[in-house]
Amino acid sequence: MFKFENLKVWQKSLDFIDLIYSLTKNFPKEETFGLTSQTRRASVSVALNIAEGSGKTTNKEFRKFLHDSLGSLRESVTLLIICKRQILISNEQFLKAYAMAEEISKMIYKLGLKIID
């Protein structure tokens, strides 16, 4: 088992990816290479950065990847706002995804604070 698989924040980010894929599943065909692809890639990037960072040799490097993960999470939230404004997702769907993103953000911050050089 890899170290990152034990991280609750990584596990939660997989749940976020599942939600995003579910939300974007029925987006219009013309959004396949637009909002569908971008929203999915941003959410996947959150988990990827956590996983990659956990394997780095220094805590400073890991924190950099956690920072990148937060950037991807902010990108995901911005894309969700766009999707809501374009009426591709409901307000209820948006609020569910937003709440999950907030929770993951807090978990990433806490993990970053635990990492000491």
PDB file of N, CA and C in Angstrom:
ATOM      1  N   MET A   1       0.844  -1.181   0.000  1.00  0.00           N
ATOM      2  CA  MET A   1       0.000   0.000   0.000  1.00  0.00           C
ATOM      3  C   MET A   1       0.891   1.247   0.000  1.00  0.00           C
ATOM      4  N   PHE A   2       0.485   2.234  -0.800  1.00  0.00           N
ATOM      5  CA  PHE A   2       1.215   3.495  -0.841  1.00  0.00           C
ATOM      6  C   PHE A   2       0.773   4.393   0.309  1.00  0.00           C
ATOM      7  N   LYS A   3       1.662   5.254   0.757  1.00  0.00           N
ATOM      8  CA  LYS A   3       1.417   6.149   1.881  1.00  0.00           C
ATOM      9  C   LYS A   3       0.141   6.991   1.682  1.00  0.00           C
ATOM     10  N   PHE A   4      -0.049   7.516   0.479  1.00  0.00           N
ATOM     11  CA  PHE A   4      -1.179   8.411   0.230  1.00  0.00           C
ATOM     12  C   PHE A   4      -2.529   7.710   0.368  1.00  0.00           C
ATOM     13  N   GLU A   5      -2.562   6.395   0.190  1.00  0.00           N
ATOM     14  CA  GLU A   5      -3.833   5.681   0.271  1.00  0.00           C
ATOM     15  C   GLU A   5      -4.427   5.713   1.678  1.00  0.00           C
ATOM     16  N   ASN A   6      -3.586   5.974   2.681  1.00  0.00           N
ATOM     17  CA  ASN A   6      -4.056   6.075   4.061  1.00  0.00           C
ATOM     18  C   ASN A   6      -4.530   7.473   4.433  1.00  0.00           C
ATOM     19  N   LEU A   7      -4.276   8.438   3.566  1.00  0.00           N
ATOM     20  CA  LEU A   7      -4.658   9.822   3.867  1.00  0.00           C
ATOM     21  C   LEU A   7      -6.160  10.016   3.645  1.00  0.00           C
ATOM     22  N   LYS A   8      -6.860  10.436   4.700  1.00  0.00           N
ATOM     23  CA  LYS A   8      -8.307  10.651   4.601  1.00  0.00           C
ATOM     24  C   LYS A   8      -8.641  11.726   3.568  1.00  0.00           C
ATOM     25  N   VAL A   9      -7.791  12.722   3.445  1.00  0.00           N
ATOM     26  CA  VAL A   9      -8.045  13.785   2.478  1.00  0.00           C
ATOM     27  C   VAL A   9      -7.951  13.258   1.049  1.00  0.00           C
ATOM     28  N   TRP A  10      -7.052  12.323   0.805  1.00  0.00           N
ATOM     29  CA  TRP A  10      -6.947  11.716  -0.524  1.00  0.00           C
ATOM     30  C   TRP A  10      -8.207  10.886  -0.802  1.00  0.00           C
ATOM     31  N   GLN A  11      -8.646  10.125   0.199  1.00  0.00           N
ATOM     32  CA  GLN A  11      -9.853   9.315   0.053  1.00  0.00           C
ATOM     33  C   GLN A  11     -11.070  10.200  -0.221  1.00  0.00           C
ATOM     34  N   LYS A  12     -11.160  11.317   0.510  1.00  0.00           N
ATOM     35  CA  LYS A  12     -12.265  12.255   0.324  1.00  0.00           C
ATOM     36  C   LYS A  12     -12.199  12.900  -1.062  1.00  0.00           C
ATOM     37  N   SER A  13     -10.987  13.139  -1.549  1.00  0.00           N
ATOM     38  CA  SER A  13     -10.856  13.736  -2.885  1.00  0.00           C
ATOM     39  C   SER A  13     -11.349  12.762  -3.966  1.00  0.00           C
ATOM     40  N   LEU A  14     -11.231  11.456  -3.727  1.00  0.00           N
ATOM     41  CA  LEU A  14     -11.786  10.473  -4.661  1.00  0.00           C
ATOM     42  C   LEU A  14     -13.317  10.538  -4.672  1.00  0.00           C
ATOM     43  N   ASP A  15     -13.904  10.767  -3.494  1.00  0.00           N
ATOM     44  CA  ASP A  15     -15.356  10.939  -3.423  1.00  0.00           C
ATOM     45  C   ASP A  15     -15.781  12.184  -4.208  1.00  0.00           C
ATOM     46  N   PHE A  16     -14.972  13.233  -4.108  1.00  0.00           N
ATOM     47  CA  PHE A  16     -15.239  14.478  -4.851  1.00  0.00           C
ATOM     48  C   PHE A  16     -15.189  14.205  -6.358  1.00  0.00           C
ATOM     49  N   ILE A  17     -14.197  13.446  -6.795  1.00  0.00           N
ATOM     50  CA  ILE A  17     -14.085  13.091  -8.211  1.00  0.00           C
ATOM     51  C   ILE A  17     -15.333  12.325  -8.650  1.00  0.00           C
ATOM     52  N   ASP A  18     -15.762  11.358  -7.852  1.00  0.00           N
ATOM     53  CA  ASP A  18     -16.972  10.595  -8.181  1.00  0.00           C
ATOM     54  C   ASP A  18     -18.168  11.521  -8.354  1.00  0.00           C
ATOM     55  N   LEU A  19     -18.305  12.484  -7.447  1.00  0.00           N
ATOM     56  CA  LEU A  19     -19.421  13.430  -7.526  1.00  0.00           C
ATOM     57  C   LEU A  19     -19.329  14.270  -8.798  1.00  0.00           C
ATOM     58  N   ILE A  20     -18.145  14.774  -9.096  1.00  0.00           N
ATOM     59  CA  ILE A  20     -17.956  15.613 -10.291  1.00  0.00           C
ATOM     60  C   ILE A  20     -18.268  14.811 -11.555  1.00  0.00           C
ATOM     61  N   TYR A  21     -17.799  13.586 -11.632  1.00  0.00           N
ATOM     62  CA  TYR A  21     -18.100  12.759 -12.806  1.00  0.00           C
ATOM     63  C   TYR A  21     -19.604  12.527 -12.940  1.00  0.00           C
ATOM     64  N   SER A  22     -20.264  12.322 -11.818  1.00  0.00           N
ATOM     65  CA  SER A  22     -21.708  12.137 -11.830  1.00  0.00           C
ATOM     66  C   SER A  22     -22.426  13.402 -12.310  1.00  0.00           C
ATOM     67  N   LEU A  23     -21.986  14.552 -11.815  1.00  0.00           N
ATOM     68  CA  LEU A  23     -22.610  15.826 -12.193  1.00  0.00           C
ATOM     69  C   LEU A  23     -22.406  16.146 -13.670  1.00  0.00           C
ATOM     70  N   THR A  24     -21.262  15.801 -14.203  1.00  0.00           N
ATOM     71  CA  THR A  24     -20.933  16.167 -15.584  1.00  0.00           C
ATOM     72  C   THR A  24     -21.344  15.104 -16.605  1.00  0.00           C
ATOM     73  N   LYS A  25     -21.836  13.991 -16.126  1.00  0.00           N
ATOM     74  CA  LYS A  25     -22.177  12.855 -16.995  1.00  0.00           C
ATOM     75  C   LYS A  25     -23.166  13.225 -18.096  1.00  0.00           C
ATOM     76  N   ASN A  26     -24.117  14.061 -17.773  1.00  0.00           N
ATOM     77  CA  ASN A  26     -25.168  14.401 -18.736  1.00  0.00           C
ATOM     78  C   ASN A  26     -25.054  15.814 -19.296  1.00  0.00           C
ATOM     79  N   PHE A  27     -23.856  16.385 -19.217  1.00  0.00           N
ATOM     80  CA  PHE A  27     -23.651  17.696 -19.818  1.00  0.00           C
ATOM     81  C   PHE A  27     -23.868  17.586 -21.331  1.00  0.00           C
ATOM     82  N   PRO A  28     -24.237  18.687 -21.965  1.00  0.00           N
ATOM     83  CA  PRO A  28     -24.445  18.659 -23.419  1.00  0.00           C
ATOM     84  C   PRO A  28     -23.196  18.191 -24.170  1.00  0.00           C
ATOM     85  N   LYS A  29     -23.425  17.551 -25.285  1.00  0.00           N
ATOM     86  CA  LYS A  29     -22.340  17.020 -26.120  1.00  0.00           C
ATOM     87  C   LYS A  29     -21.327  18.111 -26.482  1.00  0.00           C
ATOM     88  N   GLU A  30     -21.800  19.318 -26.725  1.00  0.00           N
ATOM     89  CA  GLU A  30     -20.884  20.399 -27.124  1.00  0.00           C
ATOM     90  C   GLU A  30     -19.936  20.817 -26.002  1.00  0.00           C
ATOM     91  N   GLU A  31     -20.189  20.360 -24.788  1.00  0.00           N
ATOM     92  CA  GLU A  31     -19.310  20.677 -23.656  1.00  0.00           C
ATOM     93  C   GLU A  31     -18.283  19.573 -23.385  1.00  0.00           C
ATOM     94  N   THR A  32     -18.270  18.526 -24.193  1.00  0.00           N
ATOM     95  CA  THR A  32     -17.357  17.399 -23.980  1.00  0.00           C
ATOM     96  C   THR A  32     -15.915  17.866 -23.833  1.00  0.00           C
ATOM     97  N   PHE A  33     -15.475  18.757 -24.693  1.00  0.00           N
ATOM     98  CA  PHE A  33     -14.093  19.239 -24.647  1.00  0.00           C
ATOM     99  C   PHE A  33     -13.984  20.595 -23.958  1.00  0.00           C
ATOM    100  N   GLY A  34     -15.064  21.034 -23.368  1.00  0.00           N
ATOM    101  CA  GLY A  34     -15.087  22.300 -22.637  1.00  0.00           C
ATOM    102  C   GLY A  34     -15.267  22.055 -21.152  1.00  0.00           C
ATOM    103  N   LEU A  35     -16.432  22.437 -20.663  1.00  0.00           N
ATOM    104  CA  LEU A  35     -16.678  22.360 -19.222  1.00  0.00           C
ATOM    105  C   LEU A  35     -16.627  20.935 -18.669  1.00  0.00           C
ATOM    106  N   THR A  36     -17.088  19.957 -19.417  1.00  0.00           N
ATOM    107  CA  THR A  36     -17.041  18.576 -18.927  1.00  0.00           C
ATOM    108  C   THR A  36     -15.604  18.159 -18.662  1.00  0.00           C
ATOM    109  N   SER A  37     -14.771  18.317 -19.671  1.00  0.00           N
ATOM    110  CA  SER A  37     -13.371  17.908 -19.561  1.00  0.00           C
ATOM    111  C   SER A  37     -12.619  18.725 -18.511  1.00  0.00           C
ATOM    112  N   GLN A  38     -12.791  20.035 -18.536  1.00  0.00           N
ATOM    113  CA  GLN A  38     -12.062  20.890 -17.591  1.00  0.00           C
ATOM    114  C   GLN A  38     -12.456  20.624 -16.151  1.00  0.00           C
ATOM    115  N   THR A  39     -13.747  20.458 -15.913  1.00  0.00           N
ATOM    116  CA  THR A  39     -14.224  20.234 -14.548  1.00  0.00           C
ATOM    117  C   THR A  39     -13.718  18.898 -14.015  1.00  0.00           C
ATOM    118  N   ARG A  40     -13.740  17.895 -14.858  1.00  0.00           N
ATOM    119  CA  ARG A  40     -13.233  16.587 -14.449  1.00  0.00           C
ATOM    120  C   ARG A  40     -11.731  16.633 -14.199  1.00  0.00           C
ATOM    121  N   ARG A  41     -10.983  17.257 -15.097  1.00  0.00           N
ATOM    122  CA  ARG A  41      -9.517  17.326 -14.933  1.00  0.00           C
ATOM    123  C   ARG A  41      -9.132  18.072 -13.665  1.00  0.00           C
ATOM    124  N   ALA A  42      -9.820  19.165 -13.367  1.00  0.00           N
ATOM    125  CA  ALA A  42      -9.497  19.937 -12.157  1.00  0.00           C
ATOM    126  C   ALA A  42      -9.734  19.104 -10.905  1.00  0.00           C
ATOM    127  N   SER A  43     -10.846  18.372 -10.863  1.00  0.00           N
ATOM    128  CA  SER A  43     -11.133  17.558  -9.674  1.00  0.00           C
ATOM    129  C   SER A  43     -10.126  16.422  -9.535  1.00  0.00           C
ATOM    130  N   VAL A  44      -9.750  15.804 -10.630  1.00  0.00           N
ATOM    131  CA  VAL A  44      -8.766  14.715 -10.597  1.00  0.00           C
ATOM    132  C   VAL A  44      -7.412  15.238 -10.132  1.00  0.00           C
ATOM    133  N   SER A  45      -7.080  16.446 -10.518  1.00  0.00           N
ATOM    134  CA  SER A  45      -5.799  17.044 -10.149  1.00  0.00           C
ATOM    135  C   SER A  45      -5.647  17.204  -8.638  1.00  0.00           C
ATOM    136  N   VAL A  46      -6.748  17.393  -7.931  1.00  0.00           N
ATOM    137  CA  VAL A  46      -6.691  17.509  -6.465  1.00  0.00           C
ATOM    138  C   VAL A  46      -6.076  16.236  -5.882  1.00  0.00           C
ATOM    139  N   ALA A  47      -6.632  15.088  -6.248  1.00  0.00           N
ATOM    140  CA  ALA A  47      -6.138  13.802  -5.728  1.00  0.00           C
ATOM    141  C   ALA A  47      -4.734  13.490  -6.233  1.00  0.00           C
ATOM    142  N   LEU A  48      -4.474  13.801  -7.498  1.00  0.00           N
ATOM    143  CA  LEU A  48      -3.157  13.514  -8.061  1.00  0.00           C
ATOM    144  C   LEU A  48      -2.048  14.266  -7.339  1.00  0.00           C
ATOM    145  N   ASN A  49      -2.284  15.536  -7.022  1.00  0.00           N
ATOM    146  CA  ASN A  49      -1.264  16.324  -6.328  1.00  0.00           C
ATOM    147  C   ASN A  49      -1.023  15.826  -4.910  1.00  0.00           C
ATOM    148  N   ILE A  50      -2.080  15.402  -4.240  1.00  0.00           N
ATOM    149  CA  ILE A  50      -1.908  14.840  -2.896  1.00  0.00           C
ATOM    150  C   ILE A  50      -1.067  13.568  -2.978  1.00  0.00           C
ATOM    151  N   ALA A  51      -1.418  12.698  -3.918  1.00  0.00           N
ATOM    152  CA  ALA A  51      -0.691  11.439  -4.069  1.00  0.00           C
ATOM    153  C   ALA A  51       0.773  11.678  -4.438  1.00  0.00           C
ATOM    154  N   GLU A  52       0.999  12.528  -5.426  1.00  0.00           N
ATOM    155  CA  GLU A  52       2.381  12.778  -5.848  1.00  0.00           C
ATOM    156  C   GLU A  52       3.196  13.432  -4.736  1.00  0.00           C
ATOM    157  N   GLY A  53       2.610  14.390  -4.063  1.00  0.00           N
ATOM    158  CA  GLY A  53       3.323  15.088  -2.994  1.00  0.00           C
ATOM    159  C   GLY A  53       3.692  14.196  -1.828  1.00  0.00           C
ATOM    160  N   SER A  54       2.843  13.226  -1.538  1.00  0.00           N
ATOM    161  CA  SER A  54       3.115  12.350  -0.390  1.00  0.00           C
ATOM    162  C   SER A  54       4.367  11.504  -0.599  1.00  0.00           C
ATOM    163  N   GLY A  55       4.791  11.358  -1.835  1.00  0.00           N
ATOM    164  CA  GLY A  55       5.973  10.550  -2.123  1.00  0.00           C
ATOM    165  C   GLY A  55       7.256  11.350  -2.225  1.00  0.00           C
ATOM    166  N   LYS A  56       7.169  12.642  -2.011  1.00  0.00           N
ATOM    167  CA  LYS A  56       8.365  13.480  -2.100  1.00  0.00           C
ATOM    168  C   LYS A  56       9.250  13.276  -0.873  1.00  0.00           C
ATOM    169  N   THR A  57      10.511  13.586  -1.038  1.00  0.00           N
ATOM    170  CA  THR A  57      11.470  13.292   0.024  1.00  0.00           C
ATOM    171  C   THR A  57      11.523  14.347   1.122  1.00  0.00           C
ATOM    172  N   THR A  58      11.045  15.559   0.840  1.00  0.00           N
ATOM    173  CA  THR A  58      11.062  16.577   1.891  1.00  0.00           C
ATOM    174  C   THR A  58       9.643  17.074   2.168  1.00  0.00           C
ATOM    175  N   ASN A  59       9.434  17.539   3.386  1.00  0.00           N
ATOM    176  CA  ASN A  59       8.138  18.088   3.757  1.00  0.00           C
ATOM    177  C   ASN A  59       7.830  19.359   2.973  1.00  0.00           C
ATOM    178  N   LYS A  60       8.874  20.121   2.661  1.00  0.00           N
ATOM    179  CA  LYS A  60       8.687  21.340   1.879  1.00  0.00           C
ATOM    180  C   LYS A  60       8.102  21.003   0.505  1.00  0.00           C
ATOM    181  N   GLU A  61       8.606  19.933  -0.102  1.00  0.00           N
ATOM    182  CA  GLU A  61       8.087  19.500  -1.406  1.00  0.00           C
ATOM    183  C   GLU A  61       6.626  19.044  -1.279  1.00  0.00           C
ATOM    184  N   PHE A  62       6.327  18.307  -0.212  1.00  0.00           N
ATOM    185  CA  PHE A  62       4.962  17.833  -0.003  1.00  0.00           C
ATOM    186  C   PHE A  62       4.010  19.016   0.150  1.00  0.00           C
ATOM    187  N   ARG A  63       4.410  20.010   0.934  1.00  0.00           N
ATOM    188  CA  ARG A  63       3.574  21.198   1.122  1.00  0.00           C
ATOM    189  C   ARG A  63       3.317  21.915  -0.200  1.00  0.00           C
ATOM    190  N   LYS A  64       4.316  21.928  -1.084  1.00  0.00           N
ATOM    191  CA  LYS A  64       4.149  22.565  -2.393  1.00  0.00           C
ATOM    192  C   LYS A  64       3.049  21.846  -3.182  1.00  0.00           C
ATOM    193  N   PHE A  65       3.037  20.521  -3.125  1.00  0.00           N
ATOM    194  CA  PHE A  65       2.010  19.763  -3.834  1.00  0.00           C
ATOM    195  C   PHE A  65       0.636  19.934  -3.178  1.00  0.00           C
ATOM    196  N   LEU A  66       0.598  20.078  -1.851  1.00  0.00           N
ATOM    197  CA  LEU A  66      -0.671  20.375  -1.182  1.00  0.00           C
ATOM    198  C   LEU A  66      -1.195  21.735  -1.629  1.00  0.00           C
ATOM    199  N   HIS A  67      -0.281  22.690  -1.772  1.00  0.00           N
ATOM    200  CA  HIS A  67      -0.647  24.023  -2.273  1.00  0.00           C
ATOM    201  C   HIS A  67      -1.226  23.899  -3.689  1.00  0.00           C
ATOM    202  N   ASP A  68      -0.585  23.106  -4.524  1.00  0.00           N
ATOM    203  CA  ASP A  68      -1.077  22.885  -5.887  1.00  0.00           C
ATOM    204  C   ASP A  68      -2.461  22.218  -5.862  1.00  0.00           C
ATOM    205  N   SER A  69      -2.651  21.310  -4.922  1.00  0.00           N
ATOM    206  CA  SER A  69      -3.933  20.642  -4.775  1.00  0.00           C
ATOM    207  C   SER A  69      -5.034  21.641  -4.423  1.00  0.00           C
ATOM    208  N   LEU A  70      -4.710  22.585  -3.547  1.00  0.00           N
ATOM    209  CA  LEU A  70      -5.669  23.642  -3.209  1.00  0.00           C
ATOM    210  C   LEU A  70      -5.994  24.498  -4.431  1.00  0.00           C
ATOM    211  N   GLY A  71      -5.000  24.749  -5.262  1.00  0.00           N
ATOM    212  CA  GLY A  71      -5.233  25.504  -6.492  1.00  0.00           C
ATOM    213  C   GLY A  71      -6.205  24.772  -7.407  1.00  0.00           C
ATOM    214  N   SER A  72      -6.037  23.478  -7.525  1.00  0.00           N
ATOM    215  CA  SER A  72      -6.949  22.672  -8.352  1.00  0.00           C
ATOM    216  C   SER A  72      -8.351  22.654  -7.756  1.00  0.00           C
ATOM    217  N   LEU A  73      -8.427  22.663  -6.437  1.00  0.00           N
ATOM    218  CA  LEU A  73      -9.725  22.683  -5.774  1.00  0.00           C
ATOM    219  C   LEU A  73     -10.431  24.019  -6.044  1.00  0.00           C
ATOM    220  N   ARG A  74      -9.683  25.117  -5.985  1.00  0.00           N
ATOM    221  CA  ARG A  74     -10.254  26.434  -6.297  1.00  0.00           C
ATOM    222  C   ARG A  74     -10.711  26.491  -7.755  1.00  0.00           C
ATOM    223  N   GLU A  75      -9.943  25.892  -8.627  1.00  0.00           N
ATOM    224  CA  GLU A  75     -10.317  25.810 -10.032  1.00  0.00           C
ATOM    225  C   GLU A  75     -11.618  25.005 -10.174  1.00  0.00           C
ATOM    226  N   SER A  76     -11.720  23.910  -9.449  1.00  0.00           N
ATOM    227  CA  SER A  76     -12.936  23.093  -9.485  1.00  0.00           C
ATOM    228  C   SER A  76     -14.154  23.896  -9.040  1.00  0.00           C
ATOM    229  N   VAL A  77     -13.999  24.656  -7.968  1.00  0.00           N
ATOM    230  CA  VAL A  77     -15.116  25.457  -7.455  1.00  0.00           C
ATOM    231  C   VAL A  77     -15.517  26.517  -8.480  1.00  0.00           C
ATOM    232  N   THR A  78     -14.539  27.156  -9.098  1.00  0.00           N
ATOM    233  CA  THR A  78     -14.845  28.160 -10.117  1.00  0.00           C
ATOM    234  C   THR A  78     -15.605  27.529 -11.281  1.00  0.00           C
ATOM    235  N   LEU A  79     -15.169  26.355 -11.699  1.00  0.00           N
ATOM    236  CA  LEU A  79     -15.862  25.654 -12.775  1.00  0.00           C
ATOM    237  C   LEU A  79     -17.284  25.262 -12.365  1.00  0.00           C
ATOM    238  N   LEU A  80     -17.459  24.865 -11.120  1.00  0.00           N
ATOM    239  CA  LEU A  80     -18.804  24.539 -10.636  1.00  0.00           C
ATOM    240  C   LEU A  80     -19.707  25.769 -10.657  1.00  0.00           C
ATOM    241  N   ILE A  81     -19.158  26.923 -10.301  1.00  0.00           N
ATOM    242  CA  ILE A  81     -19.929  28.173 -10.351  1.00  0.00           C
ATOM    243  C   ILE A  81     -20.349  28.462 -11.792  1.00  0.00           C
ATOM    244  N   ILE A  82     -19.431  28.282 -12.713  1.00  0.00           N
ATOM    245  CA  ILE A  82     -19.749  28.487 -14.129  1.00  0.00           C
ATOM    246  C   ILE A  82     -20.847  27.518 -14.570  1.00  0.00           C
ATOM    247  N   CYS A  83     -20.703  26.257 -14.172  1.00  0.00           N
ATOM    248  CA  CYS A  83     -21.708  25.251 -14.540  1.00  0.00           C
ATOM    249  C   CYS A  83     -23.087  25.611 -13.988  1.00  0.00           C
ATOM    250  N   LYS A  84     -23.119  26.133 -12.766  1.00  0.00           N
ATOM    251  CA  LYS A  84     -24.391  26.545 -12.167  1.00  0.00           C
ATOM    252  C   LYS A  84     -24.971  27.736 -12.932  1.00  0.00           C
ATOM    253  N   ARG A  85     -24.115  28.699 -13.246  1.00  0.00           N
ATOM    254  CA  ARG A  85     -24.574  29.892 -13.979  1.00  0.00           C
ATOM    255  C   ARG A  85     -25.069  29.556 -15.377  1.00  0.00           C
ATOM    256  N   GLN A  86     -24.490  28.527 -15.970  1.00  0.00           N
ATOM    257  CA  GLN A  86     -24.911  28.086 -17.300  1.00  0.00           C
ATOM    258  C   GLN A  86     -26.074  27.085 -17.233  1.00  0.00           C
ATOM    259  N   ILE A  87     -26.572  26.871 -16.026  1.00  0.00           N
ATOM    260  CA  ILE A  87     -27.694  25.989 -15.739  1.00  0.00           C
ATOM    261  C   ILE A  87     -27.409  24.553 -16.213  1.00  0.00           C
ATOM    262  N   LEU A  88     -26.180  24.128 -15.998  1.00  0.00           N
ATOM    263  CA  LEU A  88     -25.800  22.748 -16.291  1.00  0.00           C
ATOM    264  C   LEU A  88     -25.944  21.866 -15.056  1.00  0.00           C
ATOM    265  N   ILE A  89     -25.917  22.497 -13.878  1.00  0.00           N
ATOM    266  CA  ILE A  89     -26.173  21.801 -12.620  1.00  0.00           C
ATOM    267  C   ILE A  89     -27.159  22.635 -11.811  1.00  0.00           C
ATOM    268  N   SER A  90     -27.883  21.979 -10.933  1.00  0.00           N
ATOM    269  CA  SER A  90     -28.849  22.682 -10.084  1.00  0.00           C
ATOM    270  C   SER A  90     -28.134  23.344  -8.912  1.00  0.00           C
ATOM    271  N   ASN A  91     -28.839  24.218  -8.247  1.00  0.00           N
ATOM    272  CA  ASN A  91     -28.282  24.856  -7.057  1.00  0.00           C
ATOM    273  C   ASN A  91     -28.001  23.812  -5.984  1.00  0.00           C
ATOM    274  N   GLU A  92     -28.875  22.830  -5.860  1.00  0.00           N
ATOM    275  CA  GLU A  92     -28.685  21.759  -4.875  1.00  0.00           C
ATOM    276  C   GLU A  92     -27.406  20.961  -5.177  1.00  0.00           C
ATOM    277  N   GLN A  93     -27.206  20.621  -6.431  1.00  0.00           N
ATOM    278  CA  GLN A  93     -25.995  19.896  -6.831  1.00  0.00           C
ATOM    279  C   GLN A  93     -24.753  20.744  -6.557  1.00  0.00           C
ATOM    280  N   PHE A  94     -24.858  22.020  -6.877  1.00  0.00           N
ATOM    281  CA  PHE A  94     -23.736  22.931  -6.639  1.00  0.00           C
ATOM    282  C   PHE A  94     -23.395  22.978  -5.152  1.00  0.00           C
ATOM    283  N   LEU A  95     -24.400  23.146  -4.312  1.00  0.00           N
ATOM    284  CA  LEU A  95     -24.163  23.256  -2.872  1.00  0.00           C
ATOM    285  C   LEU A  95     -23.531  21.989  -2.296  1.00  0.00           C
ATOM    286  N   LYS A  96     -23.944  20.845  -2.798  1.00  0.00           N
ATOM    287  CA  LYS A  96     -23.358  19.575  -2.337  1.00  0.00           C
ATOM    288  C   LYS A  96     -21.873  19.512  -2.705  1.00  0.00           C
ATOM    289  N   ALA A  97     -21.551  19.840  -3.947  1.00  0.00           N
ATOM    290  CA  ALA A  97     -20.159  19.812  -4.395  1.00  0.00           C
ATOM    291  C   ALA A  97     -19.333  20.880  -3.686  1.00  0.00           C
ATOM    292  N   TYR A  98     -19.918  22.057  -3.495  1.00  0.00           N
ATOM    293  CA  TYR A  98     -19.228  23.156  -2.823  1.00  0.00           C
ATOM    294  C   TYR A  98     -18.883  22.779  -1.383  1.00  0.00           C
ATOM    295  N   ALA A  99     -19.833  22.171  -0.691  1.00  0.00           N
ATOM    296  CA  ALA A  99     -19.602  21.751   0.702  1.00  0.00           C
ATOM    297  C   ALA A  99     -18.479  20.718   0.769  1.00  0.00           C
ATOM    298  N   MET A 100     -18.459  19.801  -0.179  1.00  0.00           N
ATOM    299  CA  MET A 100     -17.405  18.794  -0.205  1.00  0.00           C
ATOM    300  C   MET A 100     -16.047  19.454  -0.470  1.00  0.00           C
ATOM    301  N   ALA A 101     -16.019  20.411  -1.382  1.00  0.00           N
ATOM    302  CA  ALA A 101     -14.777  21.126  -1.683  1.00  0.00           C
ATOM    303  C   ALA A 101     -14.277  21.891  -0.454  1.00  0.00           C
ATOM    304  N   GLU A 102     -15.188  22.519   0.265  1.00  0.00           N
ATOM    305  CA  GLU A 102     -14.812  23.227   1.500  1.00  0.00           C
ATOM    306  C   GLU A 102     -14.194  22.270   2.516  1.00  0.00           C
ATOM    307  N   GLU A 103     -14.806  21.114   2.675  1.00  0.00           N
ATOM    308  CA  GLU A 103     -14.299  20.114   3.624  1.00  0.00           C
ATOM    309  C   GLU A 103     -12.895  19.648   3.225  1.00  0.00           C
ATOM    310  N   ILE A 104     -12.703  19.373   1.947  1.00  0.00           N
ATOM    311  CA  ILE A 104     -11.389  18.939   1.457  1.00  0.00           C
ATOM    312  C   ILE A 104     -10.361  20.040   1.657  1.00  0.00           C
ATOM    313  N   SER A 105     -10.745  21.269   1.411  1.00  0.00           N
ATOM    314  CA  SER A 105      -9.839  22.403   1.599  1.00  0.00           C
ATOM    315  C   SER A 105      -9.350  22.467   3.044  1.00  0.00           C
ATOM    316  N   LYS A 106     -10.264  22.337   3.981  1.00  0.00           N
ATOM    317  CA  LYS A 106      -9.901  22.362   5.405  1.00  0.00           C
ATOM    318  C   LYS A 106      -8.966  21.199   5.750  1.00  0.00           C
ATOM    319  N   MET A 107      -9.233  20.046   5.174  1.00  0.00           N
ATOM    320  CA  MET A 107      -8.394  18.871   5.440  1.00  0.00           C
ATOM    321  C   MET A 107      -6.974  19.070   4.893  1.00  0.00           C
ATOM    322  N   ILE A 108      -6.887  19.673   3.715  1.00  0.00           N
ATOM    323  CA  ILE A 108      -5.571  19.936   3.121  1.00  0.00           C
ATOM    324  C   ILE A 108      -4.803  20.924   3.987  1.00  0.00           C
ATOM    325  N   TYR A 109      -5.467  21.996   4.430  1.00  0.00           N
ATOM    326  CA  TYR A 109      -4.809  22.975   5.300  1.00  0.00           C
ATOM    327  C   TYR A 109      -4.305  22.321   6.580  1.00  0.00           C
ATOM    328  N   LYS A 110      -5.136  21.500   7.196  1.00  0.00           N
ATOM    329  CA  LYS A 110      -4.738  20.824   8.435  1.00  0.00           C
ATOM    330  C   LYS A 110      -3.544  19.904   8.207  1.00  0.00           C
ATOM    331  N   LEU A 111      -3.570  19.169   7.105  1.00  0.00           N
ATOM    332  CA  LEU A 111      -2.451  18.286   6.785  1.00  0.00           C
ATOM    333  C   LEU A 111      -1.171  19.098   6.589  1.00  0.00           C
ATOM    334  N   GLY A 112      -1.287  20.208   5.894  1.00  0.00           N
ATOM    335  CA  GLY A 112      -0.134  21.077   5.668  1.00  0.00           C
ATOM    336  C   GLY A 112       0.456  21.612   6.968  1.00  0.00           C
ATOM    337  N   LEU A 113      -0.412  21.899   7.928  1.00  0.00           N
ATOM    338  CA  LEU A 113       0.055  22.405   9.230  1.00  0.00           C
ATOM    339  C   LEU A 113       0.741  21.316  10.041  1.00  0.00           C
ATOM    340  N   LYS A 114       0.349  20.064   9.829  1.00  0.00           N
ATOM    341  CA  LYS A 114       0.959  18.944  10.557  1.00  0.00           C
ATOM    342  C   LYS A 114       2.359  18.617  10.071  1.00  0.00           C
ATOM    343  N   ILE A 115       2.626  19.001   8.835  1.00  0.00           N
ATOM    344  CA  ILE A 115       3.924  18.675   8.250  1.00  0.00           C
ATOM    345  C   ILE A 115       4.957  19.679   8.741  1.00  0.00           C
ATOM    346  N   ILE A 116       5.948  19.177   9.450  1.00  0.00           N
ATOM    347  CA  ILE A 116       7.009  20.011  10.018  1.00  0.00           C
ATOM    348  C   ILE A 116       8.307  19.685   9.321  1.00  0.00           C
ATOM    349  N   ASP A 117       9.067  20.729   8.999  1.00  0.00           N
ATOM    350  CA  ASP A 117      10.387  20.505   8.356  1.00  0.00           C
ATOM    351  C   ASP A 117      11.336  19.798   9.288  1.00  0.00           C
TER     352      ASP A 117
END
